[in-house]
Structures are given as C-alpha cells and as structure tokens.
Amino acid sequence: MKDNFIDVLICPKCGGKLVYNKIKTELICNADAIAFQIRDGIPIMLCDQARSIQDI
C-alpha cells in the first residue's frame, strides 16, 4: 500500500491518523485501539468489521 494513499485515510470512528502495519496488512487507529483489515489492496474501513487491539 502506498504511503501517500495512507496519509489521506483517517479513522472512520474518530477521524484520527491511521498507521499501516505491513506485517499484518492492516491499518491501525491507536486512539481507538482498532485495526482495519486490507483485502486485495482495499482497506475495509467499516467499524463493525474492525478488530480490537486492546488485548495485545
């Protein structure tokens, strides 16, 4: 995923910055402690499909 594309994406829940995790292929919102999966190069930016990362 290209860095300049990631820079324009924001968390749909809080509007905060997202961080790309290349190993897990997901975008992480540290403010909300959730991760959005990227499938076939397409970020799935749906809050109901986000994964909680609080237990990590």
PDB file of N, CA and C in Angstrom:
ATOM      1  N   MET A   1       0.852  -1.167   0.000  1.00  0.00           N
ATOM      2  CA  MET A   1       0.000   0.000   0.000  1.00  0.00           C
ATOM      3  C   MET A   1       0.902   1.236   0.000  1.00  0.00           C
ATOM      4  N   LYS A   2       0.579   2.204  -0.825  1.00  0.00           N
ATOM      5  CA  LYS A   2       1.418   3.390  -0.981  1.00  0.00           C
ATOM      6  C   LYS A   2       1.259   4.347   0.197  1.00  0.00           C
ATOM      7  N   ASP A   3       2.389   4.899   0.630  1.00  0.00           N
ATOM      8  CA  ASP A   3       2.393   5.810   1.779  1.00  0.00           C
ATOM      9  C   ASP A   3       1.534   7.044   1.557  1.00  0.00           C
ATOM     10  N   ASN A   4       1.571   7.618   0.355  1.00  0.00           N
ATOM     11  CA  ASN A   4       0.784   8.834   0.114  1.00  0.00           C
ATOM     12  C   ASN A   4      -0.716   8.550   0.149  1.00  0.00           C
ATOM     13  N   PHE A   5      -1.121   7.332  -0.159  1.00  0.00           N
ATOM     14  CA  PHE A   5      -2.533   6.953  -0.058  1.00  0.00           C
ATOM     15  C   PHE A   5      -2.932   6.814   1.407  1.00  0.00           C
ATOM     16  N   ILE A   6      -2.071   6.209   2.201  1.00  0.00           N
ATOM     17  CA  ILE A   6      -2.340   6.032   3.629  1.00  0.00           C
ATOM     18  C   ILE A   6      -2.446   7.382   4.326  1.00  0.00           C
ATOM     19  N   ASP A   7      -1.657   8.344   3.900  1.00  0.00           N
ATOM     20  CA  ASP A   7      -1.659   9.674   4.525  1.00  0.00           C
ATOM     21  C   ASP A   7      -3.004  10.380   4.427  1.00  0.00           C
ATOM     22  N   VAL A   8      -3.808  10.070   3.433  1.00  0.00           N
ATOM     23  CA  VAL A   8      -5.106  10.745   3.284  1.00  0.00           C
ATOM     24  C   VAL A   8      -6.242   9.995   3.980  1.00  0.00           C
ATOM     25  N   LEU A   9      -5.984   8.767   4.412  1.00  0.00           N
ATOM     26  CA  LEU A   9      -7.014   7.996   5.111  1.00  0.00           C
ATOM     27  C   LEU A   9      -7.073   8.392   6.581  1.00  0.00           C
ATOM     28  N   ILE A  10      -8.287   8.433   7.121  1.00  0.00           N
ATOM     29  CA  ILE A  10      -8.479   8.698   8.543  1.00  0.00           C
ATOM     30  C   ILE A  10      -9.396   7.630   9.130  1.00  0.00           C
ATOM     31  N   CYS A  11      -9.340   7.490  10.418  1.00  0.00           N
ATOM     32  CA  CYS A  11     -10.198   6.530  11.106  1.00  0.00           C
ATOM     33  C   CYS A  11     -11.655   6.965  10.958  1.00  0.00           C
ATOM     34  N   PRO A  12     -12.525   6.075  10.498  1.00  0.00           N
ATOM     35  CA  PRO A  12     -13.935   6.442  10.340  1.00  0.00           C
ATOM     36  C   PRO A  12     -14.661   6.631  11.676  1.00  0.00           C
ATOM     37  N   LYS A  13     -14.072   6.136  12.750  1.00  0.00           N
ATOM     38  CA  LYS A  13     -14.705   6.262  14.064  1.00  0.00           C
ATOM     39  C   LYS A  13     -14.379   7.598  14.732  1.00  0.00           C
ATOM     40  N   CYS A  14     -13.097   7.995  14.712  1.00  0.00           N
ATOM     41  CA  CYS A  14     -12.700   9.205  15.441  1.00  0.00           C
ATOM     42  C   CYS A  14     -12.083  10.290  14.559  1.00  0.00           C
ATOM     43  N   GLY A  15     -11.768   9.953  13.306  1.00  0.00           N
ATOM     44  CA  GLY A  15     -11.135  10.927  12.414  1.00  0.00           C
ATOM     45  C   GLY A  15      -9.639  11.055  12.636  1.00  0.00           C
ATOM     46  N   GLY A  16      -9.081  10.149  13.434  1.00  0.00           N
ATOM     47  CA  GLY A  16      -7.653  10.197  13.752  1.00  0.00           C
ATOM     48  C   GLY A  16      -6.777   9.557  12.689  1.00  0.00           C
ATOM     49  N   LYS A  17      -5.481   9.693  12.903  1.00  0.00           N
ATOM     50  CA  LYS A  17      -4.472   9.162  11.992  1.00  0.00           C
ATOM     51  C   LYS A  17      -4.426   7.638  12.070  1.00  0.00           C
ATOM     52  N   LEU A  18      -4.171   7.010  10.937  1.00  0.00           N
ATOM     53  CA  LEU A  18      -4.024   5.559  10.856  1.00  0.00           C
ATOM     54  C   LEU A  18      -2.566   5.208  10.588  1.00  0.00           C
ATOM     55  N   VAL A  19      -2.135   4.094  11.136  1.00  0.00           N
ATOM     56  CA  VAL A  19      -0.776   3.602  10.948  1.00  0.00           C
ATOM     57  C   VAL A  19      -0.862   2.275  10.199  1.00  0.00           C
ATOM     58  N   TYR A  20      -0.033   2.130   9.167  1.00  0.00           N
ATOM     59  CA  TYR A  20      -0.035   0.907   8.362  1.00  0.00           C
ATOM     60  C   TYR A  20       0.864  -0.145   8.999  1.00  0.00           C
ATOM     61  N   ASN A  21       0.313  -1.318   9.261  1.00  0.00           N
ATOM     62  CA  ASN A  21       1.076  -2.458   9.747  1.00  0.00           C
ATOM     63  C   ASN A  21       1.298  -3.378   8.553  1.00  0.00           C
ATOM     64  N   LYS A  22       2.503  -3.321   8.012  1.00  0.00           N
ATOM     65  CA  LYS A  22       2.823  -4.074   6.802  1.00  0.00           C
ATOM     66  C   LYS A  22       2.791  -5.587   7.038  1.00  0.00           C
ATOM     67  N   ILE A  23       3.202  -6.027   8.217  1.00  0.00           N
ATOM     68  CA  ILE A  23       3.254  -7.460   8.514  1.00  0.00           C
ATOM     69  C   ILE A  23       1.850  -8.064   8.565  1.00  0.00           C
ATOM     70  N   LYS A  24       0.925  -7.387   9.242  1.00  0.00           N
ATOM     71  CA  LYS A  24      -0.443  -7.905   9.367  1.00  0.00           C
ATOM     72  C   LYS A  24      -1.373  -7.386   8.279  1.00  0.00           C
ATOM     73  N   THR A  25      -0.874  -6.525   7.413  1.00  0.00           N
ATOM     74  CA  THR A  25      -1.651  -5.933   6.327  1.00  0.00           C
ATOM     75  C   THR A  25      -2.944  -5.322   6.853  1.00  0.00           C
ATOM     76  N   GLU A  26      -2.793  -4.336   7.724  1.00  0.00           N
ATOM     77  CA  GLU A  26      -3.950  -3.654   8.278  1.00  0.00           C
ATOM     78  C   GLU A  26      -3.589  -2.222   8.651  1.00  0.00           C
ATOM     79  N   LEU A  27      -4.613  -1.408   8.804  1.00  0.00           N
ATOM     80  CA  LEU A  27      -4.450  -0.027   9.240  1.00  0.00           C
ATOM     81  C   LEU A  27      -4.903   0.059  10.689  1.00  0.00           C
ATOM     82  N   ILE A  28      -4.094   0.691  11.517  1.00  0.00           N
ATOM     83  CA  ILE A  28      -4.365   0.734  12.950  1.00  0.00           C
ATOM     84  C   ILE A  28      -4.661   2.156  13.400  1.00  0.00           C
ATOM     85  N   CYS A  29      -5.717   2.290  14.196  1.00  0.00           N
ATOM     86  CA  CYS A  29      -6.025   3.542  14.879  1.00  0.00           C
ATOM     87  C   CYS A  29      -5.641   3.334  16.341  1.00  0.00           C
ATOM     88  N   ASN A  30      -4.555   3.964  16.764  1.00  0.00           N
ATOM     89  CA  ASN A  30      -4.102   3.812  18.144  1.00  0.00           C
ATOM     90  C   ASN A  30      -5.042   4.490  19.126  1.00  0.00           C
ATOM     91  N   ALA A  31      -5.706   5.565  18.718  1.00  0.00           N
ATOM     92  CA  ALA A  31      -6.622   6.285  19.603  1.00  0.00           C
ATOM     93  C   ALA A  31      -7.806   5.415  20.016  1.00  0.00           C
ATOM     94  N   ASP A  32      -8.331   4.635  19.078  1.00  0.00           N
ATOM     95  CA  ASP A  32      -9.485   3.778  19.356  1.00  0.00           C
ATOM     96  C   ASP A  32      -9.096   2.321  19.603  1.00  0.00           C
ATOM     97  N   ALA A  33      -7.812   2.013  19.444  1.00  0.00           N
ATOM     98  CA  ALA A  33      -7.295   0.647  19.617  1.00  0.00           C
ATOM     99  C   ALA A  33      -8.040  -0.351  18.735  1.00  0.00           C
ATOM    100  N   ILE A  34      -8.167   0.007  17.441  1.00  0.00           N
ATOM    101  CA  ILE A  34      -8.802  -0.885  16.473  1.00  0.00           C
ATOM    102  C   ILE A  34      -7.941  -0.976  15.213  1.00  0.00           C
ATOM    103  N   ALA A  35      -8.114  -2.078  14.496  1.00  0.00           N
ATOM    104  CA  ALA A  35      -7.371  -2.310  13.264  1.00  0.00           C
ATOM    105  C   ALA A  35      -8.346  -2.646  12.142  1.00  0.00           C
ATOM    106  N   PHE A  36      -8.086  -2.061  10.984  1.00  0.00           N
ATOM    107  CA  PHE A  36      -8.907  -2.293   9.798  1.00  0.00           C
ATOM    108  C   PHE A  36      -8.117  -3.159   8.826  1.00  0.00           C
ATOM    109  N   GLN A  37      -8.696  -4.272   8.430  1.00  0.00           N
ATOM    110  CA  GLN A  37      -8.054  -5.212   7.516  1.00  0.00           C
ATOM    111  C   GLN A  37      -7.966  -4.617   6.116  1.00  0.00           C
ATOM    112  N   ILE A  38      -6.934  -5.033   5.389  1.00  0.00           N
ATOM    113  CA  ILE A  38      -6.786  -4.672   3.981  1.00  0.00           C
ATOM    114  C   ILE A  38      -6.908  -5.966   3.188  1.00  0.00           C
ATOM    115  N   ARG A  39      -7.911  -6.031   2.309  1.00  0.00           N
ATOM    116  CA  ARG A  39      -8.146  -7.232   1.495  1.00  0.00           C
ATOM    117  C   ARG A  39      -7.926  -6.906   0.028  1.00  0.00           C
ATOM    118  N   ASP A  40      -7.052  -7.648  -0.608  1.00  0.00           N
ATOM    119  CA  ASP A  40      -6.738  -7.449  -2.029  1.00  0.00           C
ATOM    120  C   ASP A  40      -6.385  -5.995  -2.321  1.00  0.00           C
ATOM    121  N   GLY A  41      -5.667  -5.361  -1.389  1.00  0.00           N
ATOM    122  CA  GLY A  41      -5.232  -3.980  -1.568  1.00  0.00           C
ATOM    123  C   GLY A  41      -6.285  -2.937  -1.248  1.00  0.00           C
ATOM    124  N   ILE A  42      -7.445  -3.371  -0.763  1.00  0.00           N
ATOM    125  CA  ILE A  42      -8.547  -2.444  -0.458  1.00  0.00           C
ATOM    126  C   ILE A  42      -8.760  -2.398   1.053  1.00  0.00           C
ATOM    127  N   PRO A  43      -8.595  -1.211   1.666  1.00  0.00           N
ATOM    128  CA  PRO A  43      -8.843  -1.119   3.104  1.00  0.00           C
ATOM    129  C   PRO A  43     -10.336  -1.241   3.412  1.00  0.00           C
ATOM    130  N   ILE A  44     -10.671  -2.098   4.356  1.00  0.00           N
ATOM    131  CA  ILE A  44     -12.060  -2.295   4.778  1.00  0.00           C
ATOM    132  C   ILE A  44     -12.296  -1.366   5.974  1.00  0.00           C
ATOM    133  N   MET A  45     -12.830  -0.184   5.691  1.00  0.00           N
ATOM    134  CA  MET A  45     -12.950   0.881   6.692  1.00  0.00           C
ATOM    135  C   MET A  45     -14.334   0.887   7.348  1.00  0.00           C
ATOM    136  N   LEU A  46     -14.792  -0.271   7.754  1.00  0.00           N
ATOM    137  CA  LEU A  46     -16.089  -0.405   8.411  1.00  0.00           C
ATOM    138  C   LEU A  46     -15.853  -0.703   9.889  1.00  0.00           C
ATOM    139  N   CYS A  47     -16.406   0.140  10.757  1.00  0.00           N
ATOM    140  CA  CYS A  47     -16.184  -0.012  12.198  1.00  0.00           C
ATOM    141  C   CYS A  47     -16.669  -1.356  12.721  1.00  0.00           C
ATOM    142  N   ASP A  48     -17.759  -1.861  12.156  1.00  0.00           N
ATOM    143  CA  ASP A  48     -18.277  -3.142  12.645  1.00  0.00           C
ATOM    144  C   ASP A  48     -17.413  -4.330  12.219  1.00  0.00           C
ATOM    145  N   GLN A  49     -16.478  -4.107  11.294  1.00  0.00           N
ATOM    146  CA  GLN A  49     -15.566  -5.167  10.876  1.00  0.00           C
ATOM    147  C   GLN A  49     -14.146  -4.946  11.394  1.00  0.00           C
ATOM    148  N   ALA A  50     -13.947  -3.887  12.158  1.00  0.00           N
ATOM    149  CA  ALA A  50     -12.628  -3.600  12.717  1.00  0.00           C
ATOM    150  C   ALA A  50     -12.319  -4.578  13.847  1.00  0.00           C
ATOM    151  N   ARG A  51     -11.037  -4.828  14.025  1.00  0.00           N
ATOM    152  CA  ARG A  51     -10.569  -5.749  15.058  1.00  0.00           C
ATOM    153  C   ARG A  51     -10.043  -4.939  16.237  1.00  0.00           C
ATOM    154  N   SER A  52     -10.437  -5.327  17.436  1.00  0.00           N
ATOM    155  CA  SER A  52      -9.934  -4.674  18.642  1.00  0.00           C
ATOM    156  C   SER A  52      -8.483  -5.081  18.868  1.00  0.00           C
ATOM    157  N   ILE A  53      -7.645  -4.127  19.215  1.00  0.00           N
ATOM    158  CA  ILE A  53      -6.240  -4.439  19.504  1.00  0.00           C
ATOM    159  C   ILE A  53      -5.905  -4.152  20.968  1.00  0.00           C
ATOM    160  N   GLN A  54      -6.901  -3.996  21.800  1.00  0.00           N
ATOM    161  CA  GLN A  54      -6.673  -3.704  23.217  1.00  0.00           C
ATOM    162  C   GLN A  54      -6.040  -4.868  23.958  1.00  0.00           C
ATOM    163  N   ASP A  55      -6.250  -6.071  23.504  1.00  0.00           N
ATOM    164  CA  ASP A  55      -5.739  -7.252  24.194  1.00  0.00           C
ATOM    165  C   ASP A  55      -4.292  -7.568  23.851  1.00  0.00           C
ATOM    166  N   ILE A  56      -3.706  -6.787  22.964  1.00  0.00           N
ATOM    167  CA  ILE A  56      -2.334  -7.074  22.508  1.00  0.00           C
ATOM    168  C   ILE A  56      -1.328  -6.489  23.478  1.00  0.00           C
TER     169      ILE A  56
END
